[in-house]
Amino acid sequence: MRTQVGIVGAGPAGLLLAQMLHQRGIDSVVLEARSRAHIEARIRAGLLEQGSVETLHAAGVAGRLHREALVHHGLALRFGGRDHRLDLSALTGGKVVTIYGQQEAVKDMIAIRLDAGLPLHFGAEEVAIHDIATARPRITWREDGVARELDCDVIAGCDGFHGICRPSIPAADLTIFDRIYPFAWLGILSRSPPMSEELIYARHPEGFALATMRSTAISRLYLQCAPDEDLARWSDDRIWAALRTRLGDGLKDGPILQKGVTAMRSFVAEPMRHGRLFLAGDAAHIVPPTGAKGMNLAIADVRVLVRALEAFFAGRGEALMDSYSATCLDRVWKVQRFSWWMTQLLHRYDDHDAFEERIRRAELDYLAGSTAAQTTLAENYVGLPYAD
């Protein structure tokens, strides 16, 4: 087989890249190790920056999003027994954030690609990439027991943190920045109405909690917990009791549809390009979920990569390909800073002393009373401007 861009991974980055390349007349083949059912069932983050929504709209994959998504103009910080609302729209000149599950966006993009008859291979086994330092990289895999090979001009590694693309880069050519946090999130999906029309970030002596939603009937709720938390010790009753303690009045419980523990880490691999291999999304960087930036960063990467590949295939040279990593990393590190700041501000650190706790309380008090501080948070939360 032969294509212009071989894409490893059918998550948000890989699917959006394939769609945006298709709009520009650039051929691609998408390979995914897991089944379509698995990919579409994975529950992931669901908050989109305004720029992300605009990008999905321009890509022609936001039809259902516009019909079903929930638009938010603000959020609440809850600490010291009080709510402090931040008017995101007023602080950012009218910008908003949108609630739409990542798996729903993935379903939309899969359906659009398959309906168009474009190549998308699920269940690809033993995927490997070759010759990435040359002008003719290759991807090999097995499908239904048959060995397959794809010749490409470019490979896009969109296969996530545990994928095969980043480890294919020689270790000597990568610099890794990694921070593991001493806590995790216990998250649930429940059939119950959200406790608020907007997100509530709560800091409590027993630990962080977050109230968000997937729809007007489905709530998504999180509790700070230990990284090695045993879910068997968390009955539904215990979960609801802890949520009520940390989130306070207004919580409406219901049947828990799903529960799981999410690890917390900050991770960056530099550079995001090696020869004709370009990393995008979680293959190159991970952020703690506090700032809701994972999918948004992947979309930002894709925007930069599409411009670079469009110029390359139009015969305008490799200048944008050469600057791809630096352009993406400029945004990645700003988002890492914001996600780290939100995380350290709102979580309980068992090893922090009374001085550090008082500093954190003072920072929250300052944030609640300062328009300048609120504007900084709001500008980052709704999404920083794109470089293009």
Protein backbone atom coordinates (compact mmCIF):
# COMPACT_ATOMS: atom_id res chain seq x y z
CA MET A 1 0.00 0.00 0.00
CA ARG A 2 1.05 3.59 -0.58
CA THR A 3 -0.17 6.85 0.95
CA GLN A 4 1.13 10.32 1.67
CA VAL A 5 0.59 10.30 5.45
CA GLY A 6 0.46 7.18 7.58
CA ILE A 7 -1.35 7.87 10.85
CA VAL A 8 -0.87 5.55 13.83
CA GLY A 9 -3.75 5.90 16.26
CA ALA A 10 -7.47 6.59 15.90
CA GLY A 11 -7.92 8.89 18.84
CA PRO A 12 -8.85 12.57 18.55
CA ALA A 13 -5.45 13.61 17.15
CA GLY A 14 -5.24 10.90 14.48
CA LEU A 15 -8.83 11.17 13.32
CA LEU A 16 -8.87 14.97 13.21
CA LEU A 17 -5.56 15.01 11.35
CA ALA A 18 -6.91 12.56 8.78
CA GLN A 19 -10.06 14.63 8.27
CA MET A 20 -8.24 17.94 7.91
CA LEU A 21 -5.75 16.40 5.46
CA HIS A 22 -8.66 14.97 3.44
CA GLN A 23 -10.18 18.45 3.20
CA ARG A 24 -6.91 19.59 1.63
CA GLY A 25 -6.65 16.73 -0.84
CA ILE A 26 -3.90 14.90 1.05
CA ASP A 27 -4.24 11.12 1.30
CA SER A 28 -3.83 9.28 4.60
CA VAL A 29 -4.32 5.84 6.09
CA VAL A 30 -5.24 5.48 9.78
CA LEU A 31 -4.17 2.38 11.75
CA GLU A 32 -5.58 1.58 15.19
CA ALA A 33 -4.54 -1.35 17.36
CA ARG A 34 -7.86 -1.60 19.22
CA SER A 35 -11.35 -2.35 17.98
CA ARG A 36 -13.84 0.30 16.95
CA ALA A 37 -16.09 -0.69 19.87
CA HIS A 38 -13.25 -0.20 22.34
CA ILE A 39 -12.26 3.19 20.93
CA GLU A 40 -15.83 4.48 20.95
CA ALA A 41 -16.54 3.26 24.48
CA ARG A 42 -13.54 4.84 26.23
CA ILE A 43 -14.71 7.58 28.59
CA ARG A 44 -12.33 10.52 28.47
CA ALA A 45 -12.37 14.23 29.21
CA GLY A 46 -15.16 16.29 27.79
CA LEU A 47 -14.32 20.00 28.01
CA LEU A 48 -13.41 21.83 24.81
CA GLU A 49 -11.84 25.25 24.48
CA GLN A 50 -13.53 27.70 22.14
CA GLY A 51 -10.71 27.32 19.63
CA SER A 52 -11.09 23.54 19.69
CA VAL A 53 -14.78 23.78 18.86
CA GLU A 54 -14.04 26.22 16.05
CA THR A 55 -11.41 23.81 14.69
CA LEU A 56 -13.80 20.85 14.77
CA HIS A 57 -16.43 23.00 13.04
CA ALA A 58 -14.01 24.01 10.30
CA ALA A 59 -13.06 20.35 9.87
CA GLY A 60 -16.70 19.46 9.22
CA VAL A 61 -17.06 17.13 12.21
CA ALA A 62 -19.06 19.27 14.66
CA GLY A 63 -22.63 18.76 13.48
CA ARG A 64 -23.80 16.65 16.42
CA LEU A 65 -21.59 18.64 18.78
CA HIS A 66 -23.49 21.83 17.93
CA ARG A 67 -26.81 20.04 18.54
CA GLU A 68 -26.01 18.28 21.79
CA ALA A 69 -23.11 20.02 23.55
CA LEU A 70 -23.48 22.20 26.64
CA VAL A 71 -21.97 25.70 26.48
CA HIS A 72 -20.57 27.16 29.71
CA HIS A 73 -19.88 30.82 30.37
CA GLY A 74 -18.34 30.40 33.80
CA LEU A 75 -17.13 28.06 36.55
CA ALA A 76 -17.14 28.02 40.34
CA LEU A 77 -14.30 27.61 42.82
CA ARG A 78 -15.55 26.22 46.11
CA PHE A 79 -13.35 26.59 49.19
CA GLY A 80 -13.82 27.66 52.77
CA GLY A 81 -17.48 26.67 52.53
CA ARG A 82 -18.25 29.28 49.85
CA ASP A 83 -18.59 29.42 46.06
CA HIS A 84 -16.68 31.98 44.02
CA ARG A 85 -17.93 32.18 40.43
CA LEU A 86 -15.63 33.22 37.62
CA ASP A 87 -17.44 34.70 34.63
CA LEU A 88 -15.26 33.29 31.87
CA SER A 89 -17.08 35.10 29.09
CA ALA A 90 -16.93 38.50 30.76
CA LEU A 91 -13.24 38.04 31.55
CA THR A 92 -12.24 36.96 28.03
CA GLY A 93 -14.33 39.07 25.70
CA GLY A 94 -17.14 36.57 25.25
CA LYS A 95 -15.29 33.26 24.99
CA VAL A 96 -16.84 30.06 26.31
CA VAL A 97 -16.02 26.41 26.98
CA THR A 98 -18.10 23.50 25.72
CA ILE A 99 -18.96 20.18 27.34
CA TYR A 100 -18.89 17.32 24.81
CA GLY A 101 -17.43 13.91 25.64
CA GLN A 102 -14.19 13.04 23.86
CA GLN A 103 -15.60 9.65 22.94
CA GLU A 104 -18.54 11.40 21.25
CA ALA A 105 -16.16 13.46 19.11
CA VAL A 106 -14.30 10.25 18.26
CA LYS A 107 -17.55 8.53 17.24
CA ASP A 108 -18.41 11.47 15.00
CA MET A 109 -15.03 11.45 13.25
CA ILE A 110 -15.00 7.66 12.78
CA ALA A 111 -18.47 7.73 11.23
CA ILE A 112 -17.58 10.59 8.88
CA ARG A 113 -14.38 8.88 7.73
CA LEU A 114 -15.99 5.49 7.16
CA ASP A 115 -19.03 7.02 5.43
CA ALA A 116 -16.62 8.70 3.02
CA GLY A 117 -14.97 5.36 2.29
CA LEU A 118 -11.58 6.51 3.56
CA PRO A 119 -9.08 3.97 4.95
CA LEU A 120 -9.34 3.32 8.68
CA HIS A 121 -8.02 -0.03 9.93
CA PHE A 122 -9.05 -1.26 13.39
CA GLY A 123 -7.45 -4.24 15.11
CA ALA A 124 -4.05 -3.62 13.56
CA GLU A 125 -1.62 -5.98 15.32
CA GLU A 126 2.16 -5.81 15.71
CA VAL A 127 2.31 -2.26 14.35
CA ALA A 128 5.86 -1.04 13.78
CA ILE A 129 7.36 1.97 12.02
CA HIS A 130 10.57 1.87 9.98
CA ASP A 131 13.04 4.17 8.21
CA ILE A 132 11.72 7.29 9.94
CA ALA A 133 15.03 9.09 9.39
CA THR A 134 14.64 8.70 5.61
CA ALA A 135 12.34 10.28 3.02
CA ARG A 136 10.43 6.99 2.63
CA PRO A 137 9.26 5.75 6.03
CA ARG A 138 7.17 2.58 6.30
CA ILE A 139 4.58 1.11 8.64
CA THR A 140 4.12 -2.64 9.01
CA TRP A 141 1.36 -4.50 10.82
CA ARG A 142 -0.72 -7.66 10.78
CA GLU A 143 -4.42 -7.58 9.96
CA ASP A 144 -6.56 -10.73 10.20
CA GLY A 145 -3.32 -12.67 10.40
CA VAL A 146 -1.94 -11.20 7.16
CA ALA A 147 1.26 -9.13 7.08
CA ARG A 148 0.68 -5.65 5.65
CA GLU A 149 3.01 -2.78 4.73
CA LEU A 150 2.35 0.91 4.08
CA ASP A 151 4.82 3.16 2.29
CA CYS A 152 4.49 6.84 3.28
CA ASP A 153 6.05 10.24 2.86
CA VAL A 154 5.32 11.11 6.49
CA ILE A 155 4.22 9.21 9.61
CA ALA A 156 2.09 10.87 12.29
CA GLY A 157 2.42 9.25 15.71
CA CYS A 158 -0.98 9.82 17.30
CA ASP A 159 -1.03 6.58 19.30
CA GLY A 160 -1.04 7.95 22.82
CA PHE A 161 1.31 7.74 25.77
CA HIS A 162 1.64 3.94 25.61
CA GLY A 163 1.94 3.76 21.82
CA ILE A 164 4.82 2.50 19.69
CA CYS A 165 5.76 5.71 17.88
CA ARG A 166 7.58 7.68 20.56
CA PRO A 167 9.69 4.64 21.64
CA SER A 168 10.72 4.26 17.99
CA ILE A 169 12.79 7.44 18.30
CA PRO A 170 16.34 6.72 19.52
CA ALA A 171 16.50 7.45 23.24
CA ALA A 172 19.58 9.61 22.73
CA ASP A 173 17.54 11.94 20.53
CA LEU A 174 14.74 12.52 23.07
CA THR A 175 14.61 14.55 26.24
CA ILE A 176 11.89 13.46 28.67
CA PHE A 177 10.35 15.68 31.34
CA ASP A 178 8.15 13.76 33.75
CA ARG A 179 6.42 14.47 37.04
CA ILE A 180 4.25 11.93 38.88
CA TYR A 181 1.80 13.45 41.37
CA PRO A 182 1.24 11.85 44.80
CA PHE A 183 -2.51 11.48 44.25
CA ALA A 184 -5.04 10.38 41.65
CA TRP A 185 -8.69 10.97 40.78
CA LEU A 186 -11.48 8.52 41.49
CA GLY A 187 -14.01 9.35 38.78
CA ILE A 188 -17.59 8.24 38.37
CA LEU A 189 -20.25 8.59 35.71
CA SER A 190 -23.74 8.63 37.24
CA ARG A 191 -27.26 8.78 35.94
CA SER A 192 -28.16 11.91 37.87
CA PRO A 193 -28.68 15.58 37.01
CA PRO A 194 -25.62 17.81 37.46
CA MET A 195 -25.47 19.68 40.76
CA SER A 196 -24.83 22.92 38.87
CA GLU A 197 -25.14 24.27 35.34
CA GLU A 198 -21.41 25.00 35.44
CA LEU A 199 -18.35 23.14 36.71
CA ILE A 200 -17.49 23.28 40.39
CA TYR A 201 -13.86 22.90 41.46
CA ALA A 202 -13.75 22.24 45.20
CA ARG A 203 -10.82 22.36 47.59
CA HIS A 204 -11.60 20.66 50.90
CA PRO A 205 -9.47 19.52 53.87
CA GLU A 206 -10.19 15.91 52.86
CA GLY A 207 -9.06 16.54 49.28
CA PHE A 208 -10.06 17.91 45.89
CA ALA A 209 -13.40 17.24 44.19
CA LEU A 210 -14.86 18.24 40.82
CA ALA A 211 -18.48 18.29 39.69
CA THR A 212 -19.02 18.32 35.96
CA MET A 213 -21.39 16.62 33.52
CA ARG A 214 -21.84 14.88 30.19
CA SER A 215 -25.44 15.97 29.65
CA THR A 216 -28.39 17.34 31.57
CA ALA A 217 -29.04 13.81 32.85
CA ILE A 218 -25.52 12.39 33.29
CA SER A 219 -23.04 13.68 35.87
CA ARG A 220 -19.28 13.24 35.87
CA LEU A 221 -17.76 13.55 39.35
CA TYR A 222 -14.23 13.20 40.71
CA LEU A 223 -12.57 12.75 44.10
CA GLN A 224 -8.91 13.07 44.99
CA CYS A 225 -7.63 9.69 46.14
CA ALA A 226 -4.40 7.72 46.52
CA PRO A 227 -2.55 6.69 43.33
CA ASP A 228 -2.85 3.02 44.31
CA GLU A 229 -6.46 3.31 45.42
CA ASP A 230 -8.33 0.00 45.59
CA LEU A 231 -11.71 0.56 43.94
CA ALA A 232 -13.11 -2.45 45.80
CA ARG A 233 -12.91 -0.38 48.98
CA TRP A 234 -15.12 2.33 47.49
CA SER A 235 -18.75 1.28 47.64
CA ASP A 236 -21.31 3.51 45.96
CA ASP A 237 -22.43 4.74 49.37
CA ARG A 238 -18.88 5.66 50.37
CA ILE A 239 -18.34 7.54 47.09
CA TRP A 240 -21.52 9.59 47.48
CA ALA A 241 -20.72 10.34 51.13
CA ALA A 242 -17.25 11.63 50.21
CA LEU A 243 -18.66 13.71 47.36
CA ARG A 244 -21.28 15.28 49.61
CA THR A 245 -18.62 16.12 52.19
CA ARG A 246 -16.34 17.81 49.68
CA LEU A 247 -18.90 19.39 47.35
CA GLY A 248 -21.61 20.31 49.83
CA ASP A 249 -25.25 21.09 49.12
CA GLY A 250 -26.88 20.51 45.78
CA LEU A 251 -25.37 17.12 44.92
CA LYS A 252 -27.94 14.73 43.48
CA ASP A 253 -26.97 11.07 43.58
CA GLY A 254 -28.10 8.28 41.28
CA PRO A 255 -26.98 4.95 39.82
CA ILE A 256 -23.23 4.87 39.17
CA LEU A 257 -22.65 3.74 35.60
CA GLN A 258 -18.85 3.66 35.65
CA LYS A 259 -16.02 4.21 38.09
CA GLY A 260 -12.25 4.27 37.71
CA VAL A 261 -9.00 5.74 38.98
CA THR A 262 -7.05 8.23 36.84
CA ALA A 263 -3.34 8.71 37.53
CA MET A 264 -1.94 12.24 37.60
CA ARG A 265 1.23 13.15 35.75
CA SER A 266 2.89 15.87 33.72
CA PHE A 267 4.96 14.56 30.80
CA VAL A 268 6.69 16.13 27.80
CA ALA A 269 8.92 14.53 25.17
CA GLU A 270 11.17 16.86 23.19
CA PRO A 271 11.42 17.22 20.25
CA MET A 272 8.07 16.19 18.76
CA ARG A 273 9.65 15.37 15.41
CA HIS A 274 12.30 12.88 14.36
CA GLY A 275 12.98 12.74 10.63
CA ARG A 276 9.67 12.03 8.94
CA LEU A 277 7.93 11.03 12.19
CA PHE A 278 5.77 13.68 13.88
CA LEU A 279 4.30 13.09 17.34
CA ALA A 280 0.94 14.64 18.24
CA GLY A 281 -1.30 14.54 21.29
CA ASP A 282 -0.63 12.17 24.18
CA ALA A 283 2.21 10.50 22.27
CA ALA A 284 4.22 13.63 23.02
CA HIS A 285 2.73 15.11 26.19
CA ILE A 286 0.43 14.40 29.12
CA VAL A 287 -1.12 16.99 31.44
CA PRO A 288 -2.92 16.42 34.74
CA PRO A 289 -6.67 16.63 34.07
CA THR A 290 -7.29 19.55 36.44
CA GLY A 291 -7.07 22.12 33.65
CA ALA A 292 -9.03 19.97 31.14
CA LYS A 293 -6.37 20.39 28.45
CA GLY A 294 -5.52 16.94 27.08
CA MET A 295 -7.76 16.82 24.01
CA ASN A 296 -7.38 20.55 23.46
CA LEU A 297 -3.60 20.23 23.23
CA ALA A 298 -3.98 17.37 20.74
CA ILE A 299 -6.20 19.57 18.55
CA ALA A 300 -3.65 22.39 18.75
CA ASP A 301 -0.88 20.01 17.63
CA VAL A 302 -2.96 18.87 14.67
CA ARG A 303 -3.58 22.45 13.53
CA VAL A 304 0.17 23.07 13.37
CA LEU A 305 0.92 19.75 11.68
CA VAL A 306 -1.76 20.22 9.01
CA ARG A 307 -0.30 23.59 8.00
CA ALA A 308 3.17 22.07 7.79
CA LEU A 309 2.07 19.08 5.71
CA GLU A 310 -0.11 21.21 3.44
CA ALA A 311 2.91 23.38 2.61
CA PHE A 312 5.15 20.34 2.12
CA PHE A 313 2.83 18.52 -0.28
CA ALA A 314 2.15 21.75 -2.16
CA GLY A 315 5.86 22.00 -2.90
CA ARG A 316 6.54 24.92 -0.57
CA GLY A 317 9.34 23.17 1.28
CA GLU A 318 9.91 21.87 4.81
CA ALA A 319 10.24 25.10 6.79
CA LEU A 320 6.96 24.57 8.66
CA MET A 321 7.81 20.91 9.22
CA ASP A 322 11.15 22.01 10.68
CA SER A 323 9.43 24.42 13.06
CA TYR A 324 6.59 22.02 14.01
CA SER A 325 8.10 20.85 17.29
CA ALA A 326 9.14 24.30 18.53
CA THR A 327 5.75 25.79 17.63
CA CYS A 328 3.83 23.04 19.44
CA LEU A 329 6.11 22.99 22.48
CA ASP A 330 5.70 26.71 23.03
CA ARG A 331 2.01 26.08 23.69
CA VAL A 332 2.58 22.74 25.44
CA TRP A 333 4.75 24.29 28.15
CA LYS A 334 2.32 27.15 28.74
CA VAL A 335 -0.48 24.61 29.15
CA GLN A 336 1.72 22.45 31.39
CA ARG A 337 2.30 25.48 33.59
CA PHE A 338 -1.41 26.20 33.88
CA SER A 339 -2.35 22.57 34.53
CA TRP A 340 0.37 22.25 37.19
CA TRP A 341 -0.78 25.50 38.82
CA MET A 342 -4.42 24.42 38.96
CA THR A 343 -3.37 21.05 40.33
CA GLN A 344 -1.16 22.36 43.13
CA LEU A 345 -3.69 25.06 44.02
CA LEU A 346 -6.67 22.76 44.52
CA HIS A 347 -5.30 19.44 45.80
CA ARG A 348 -4.26 18.34 49.26
CA TYR A 349 -0.58 17.41 49.55
CA ASP A 350 -0.01 15.20 52.58
CA ASP A 351 3.66 16.21 52.80
CA HIS A 352 3.02 19.97 52.79
CA ASP A 353 3.40 21.79 56.09
CA ALA A 354 1.19 24.46 57.67
CA PHE A 355 3.10 27.28 55.94
CA GLU A 356 2.44 25.86 52.48
CA GLU A 357 -1.23 25.34 53.34
CA ARG A 358 -1.60 28.96 54.43
CA ILE A 359 0.10 30.14 51.22
CA ARG A 360 -2.36 28.10 49.17
CA ARG A 361 -5.31 29.53 51.11
CA ALA A 362 -3.98 33.05 50.58
CA GLU A 363 -3.65 32.40 46.85
CA LEU A 364 -7.24 31.20 46.64
CA ASP A 365 -8.44 34.25 48.58
CA TYR A 366 -6.50 36.52 46.24
CA LEU A 367 -7.94 34.77 43.20
CA ALA A 368 -11.47 35.16 44.53
CA GLY A 369 -11.04 38.92 44.99
CA SER A 370 -8.81 39.95 42.10
CA THR A 371 -10.12 40.58 38.60
CA ALA A 372 -6.56 40.44 37.28
CA ALA A 373 -5.99 36.98 38.79
CA GLN A 374 -9.35 35.74 37.55
CA THR A 375 -8.57 37.00 34.04
CA THR A 376 -5.32 35.02 34.00
CA LEU A 377 -7.17 31.84 34.95
CA ALA A 378 -10.00 32.52 32.50
CA GLU A 379 -7.67 33.24 29.55
CA ASN A 380 -5.91 29.93 30.07
CA TYR A 381 -9.10 27.98 30.75
CA VAL A 382 -10.97 29.05 27.60
CA GLY A 383 -7.78 28.50 25.58
CA LEU A 384 -4.75 30.53 24.65
CA PRO A 385 -4.62 32.02 21.14
CA TYR A 386 -3.22 29.79 18.39
CA ALA A 387 0.12 30.67 16.84
CA ASP A 388 -1.51 30.75 13.40
